[in-house]
Amino acid sequence: MKVTKLVSTCDIKECPTIYATDRGTLLVQGGTPTDHGLRIPAHEALVEIPVELIRKAVRDNLI
């Protein structure tokens, strides 16, 4: 899979980030919350990102 960085909250690798793939999907990097109280299937995960990351991606016409 080819991954391209679209938008991030900083320039280092350990920040919330949105990536595009060559599969026509998005990958999201962020924190893994544990206090949500939801039932998530074992093959899925929740990722928490700042709302500003989405706003920045939309403002920059990336998604």
N, C-alpha and C. Protein backbone atom coordinates (compact mmCIF):
# COMPACT_ATOMS: atom_id res chain seq x y z
N MET A 1 0.84 -1.17 0.00
CA MET A 1 0.00 0.00 0.00
C MET A 1 0.89 1.24 0.00
N LYS A 2 0.58 2.18 -0.88
CA LYS A 2 1.29 3.45 -0.91
C LYS A 2 0.52 4.45 -0.04
N VAL A 3 1.23 5.15 0.84
CA VAL A 3 0.61 6.08 1.77
C VAL A 3 1.21 7.47 1.56
N THR A 4 0.34 8.49 1.47
CA THR A 4 0.77 9.87 1.29
C THR A 4 0.21 10.73 2.42
N LYS A 5 1.08 11.47 3.09
CA LYS A 5 0.66 12.36 4.17
C LYS A 5 -0.14 13.52 3.58
N LEU A 6 -1.35 13.73 4.11
CA LEU A 6 -2.19 14.84 3.65
C LEU A 6 -2.08 16.05 4.57
N VAL A 7 -2.29 15.82 5.85
CA VAL A 7 -2.32 16.93 6.81
C VAL A 7 -1.96 16.41 8.19
N SER A 8 -1.28 17.27 8.96
CA SER A 8 -0.86 16.89 10.30
C SER A 8 -0.95 18.11 11.21
N THR A 9 -0.89 17.86 12.51
CA THR A 9 -0.90 18.97 13.45
C THR A 9 0.51 19.44 13.76
N CYS A 10 1.52 18.74 13.26
CA CYS A 10 2.92 19.17 13.44
C CYS A 10 3.81 18.51 12.38
N ASP A 11 5.08 18.82 12.39
CA ASP A 11 6.00 18.31 11.37
C ASP A 11 6.76 17.05 11.77
N ILE A 12 6.56 16.57 13.00
CA ILE A 12 7.23 15.32 13.40
C ILE A 12 6.27 14.15 13.22
N LYS A 13 6.74 12.94 13.34
CA LYS A 13 5.93 11.77 13.04
C LYS A 13 4.93 11.38 14.13
N GLU A 14 5.01 11.94 15.31
CA GLU A 14 4.16 11.49 16.41
C GLU A 14 3.02 12.45 16.73
N CYS A 15 2.33 12.92 15.70
CA CYS A 15 1.21 13.85 15.88
C CYS A 15 0.00 13.30 15.13
N PRO A 16 -1.21 13.73 15.52
CA PRO A 16 -2.38 13.35 14.73
C PRO A 16 -2.19 13.74 13.26
N THR A 17 -2.44 12.79 12.39
CA THR A 17 -2.17 12.96 10.96
C THR A 17 -3.21 12.22 10.14
N ILE A 18 -3.54 12.73 8.97
CA ILE A 18 -4.40 12.03 8.01
C ILE A 18 -3.56 11.71 6.78
N TYR A 19 -3.62 10.46 6.35
CA TYR A 19 -2.90 9.97 5.17
C TYR A 19 -3.90 9.47 4.14
N ALA A 20 -3.56 9.59 2.86
CA ALA A 20 -4.33 8.98 1.77
C ALA A 20 -3.59 7.73 1.32
N THR A 21 -4.33 6.73 0.87
CA THR A 21 -3.71 5.52 0.36
C THR A 21 -4.01 5.38 -1.13
N ASP A 22 -3.27 4.51 -1.78
CA ASP A 22 -3.53 4.24 -3.19
C ASP A 22 -4.73 3.32 -3.37
N ARG A 23 -5.41 2.98 -2.29
CA ARG A 23 -6.63 2.17 -2.33
C ARG A 23 -7.89 3.04 -2.33
N GLY A 24 -7.69 4.38 -2.29
CA GLY A 24 -8.83 5.28 -2.22
C GLY A 24 -9.40 5.39 -0.81
N THR A 25 -8.55 5.14 0.20
CA THR A 25 -8.97 5.22 1.59
C THR A 25 -8.11 6.21 2.35
N LEU A 26 -8.50 6.51 3.58
CA LEU A 26 -7.72 7.38 4.45
C LEU A 26 -7.25 6.58 5.66
N LEU A 27 -6.06 6.90 6.13
CA LEU A 27 -5.55 6.38 7.39
C LEU A 27 -5.47 7.54 8.35
N VAL A 28 -5.81 7.32 9.61
CA VAL A 28 -5.79 8.37 10.60
C VAL A 28 -4.87 7.95 11.74
N GLN A 29 -3.93 8.81 12.06
CA GLN A 29 -3.02 8.57 13.18
C GLN A 29 -3.44 9.48 14.32
N GLY A 30 -3.59 8.91 15.49
CA GLY A 30 -3.97 9.69 16.66
C GLY A 30 -3.90 8.83 17.90
N GLY A 31 -4.36 9.38 18.99
CA GLY A 31 -4.35 8.65 20.25
C GLY A 31 -5.43 7.58 20.28
N THR A 32 -5.21 6.54 21.08
CA THR A 32 -6.18 5.47 21.24
C THR A 32 -6.90 5.66 22.57
N PRO A 33 -8.14 6.14 22.54
CA PRO A 33 -8.87 6.35 23.78
C PRO A 33 -9.32 5.02 24.39
N THR A 34 -9.39 4.99 25.71
CA THR A 34 -9.82 3.76 26.39
C THR A 34 -11.03 3.98 27.27
N ASP A 35 -11.45 5.21 27.46
CA ASP A 35 -12.54 5.51 28.39
C ASP A 35 -13.85 5.83 27.68
N HIS A 36 -14.09 5.25 26.50
CA HIS A 36 -15.25 5.60 25.69
C HIS A 36 -16.50 4.78 26.02
N GLY A 37 -16.36 3.62 26.60
CA GLY A 37 -17.50 2.78 26.95
C GLY A 37 -18.20 2.13 25.78
N LEU A 38 -17.59 2.13 24.60
CA LEU A 38 -18.18 1.53 23.40
C LEU A 38 -17.71 0.09 23.22
N ARG A 39 -18.51 -0.70 22.50
CA ARG A 39 -18.10 -2.06 22.13
C ARG A 39 -17.57 -2.00 20.70
N ILE A 40 -16.28 -2.19 20.57
CA ILE A 40 -15.63 -2.11 19.26
C ILE A 40 -15.18 -3.52 18.88
N PRO A 41 -15.49 -3.98 17.66
CA PRO A 41 -15.04 -5.31 17.24
C PRO A 41 -13.51 -5.42 17.32
N ALA A 42 -13.02 -6.61 17.56
CA ALA A 42 -11.57 -6.83 17.73
C ALA A 42 -10.77 -6.40 16.51
N HIS A 43 -11.36 -6.44 15.32
CA HIS A 43 -10.63 -6.07 14.10
C HIS A 43 -10.69 -4.58 13.79
N GLU A 44 -11.31 -3.78 14.67
CA GLU A 44 -11.40 -2.34 14.47
C GLU A 44 -10.79 -1.60 15.66
N ALA A 45 -10.58 -0.30 15.50
CA ALA A 45 -10.02 0.51 16.57
C ALA A 45 -10.59 1.92 16.48
N LEU A 46 -10.64 2.60 17.61
CA LEU A 46 -10.99 4.02 17.64
C LEU A 46 -9.71 4.82 17.69
N VAL A 47 -9.71 5.95 17.00
CA VAL A 47 -8.57 6.87 17.03
C VAL A 47 -9.12 8.26 17.31
N GLU A 48 -8.53 8.95 18.26
CA GLU A 48 -8.98 10.28 18.62
C GLU A 48 -8.05 11.32 18.00
N ILE A 49 -8.64 12.26 17.26
CA ILE A 49 -7.87 13.33 16.63
C ILE A 49 -8.53 14.67 16.93
N PRO A 50 -7.78 15.75 16.87
CA PRO A 50 -8.38 17.07 17.09
C PRO A 50 -9.29 17.46 15.92
N VAL A 51 -10.40 18.12 16.23
CA VAL A 51 -11.31 18.61 15.19
C VAL A 51 -10.56 19.55 14.25
N GLU A 52 -9.61 20.29 14.78
CA GLU A 52 -8.85 21.23 13.94
C GLU A 52 -8.11 20.52 12.81
N LEU A 53 -7.73 19.27 13.00
CA LEU A 53 -7.06 18.51 11.94
C LEU A 53 -8.00 18.33 10.74
N ILE A 54 -9.26 18.01 10.99
CA ILE A 54 -10.24 17.88 9.91
C ILE A 54 -10.49 19.23 9.25
N ARG A 55 -10.62 20.27 10.08
CA ARG A 55 -10.84 21.62 9.53
C ARG A 55 -9.69 22.03 8.61
N LYS A 56 -8.47 21.74 9.04
CA LYS A 56 -7.30 22.08 8.23
C LYS A 56 -7.31 21.31 6.91
N ALA A 57 -7.65 20.03 6.95
CA ALA A 57 -7.71 19.23 5.73
C ALA A 57 -8.75 19.76 4.76
N VAL A 58 -9.91 20.17 5.28
CA VAL A 58 -10.98 20.71 4.43
C VAL A 58 -10.55 22.08 3.89
N ARG A 59 -10.00 22.93 4.74
CA ARG A 59 -9.54 24.25 4.31
C ARG A 59 -8.52 24.15 3.19
N ASP A 60 -7.62 23.16 3.30
CA ASP A 60 -6.58 22.98 2.30
C ASP A 60 -7.02 22.14 1.11
N ASN A 61 -8.34 21.82 1.04
CA ASN A 61 -8.92 21.01 -0.04
C ASN A 61 -8.23 19.66 -0.20
N LEU A 62 -7.89 19.02 0.91
CA LEU A 62 -7.22 17.73 0.87
C LEU A 62 -8.18 16.56 0.95
N ILE A 63 -9.33 16.80 1.56
CA ILE A 63 -10.35 15.74 1.63
C ILE A 63 -11.71 16.35 1.34
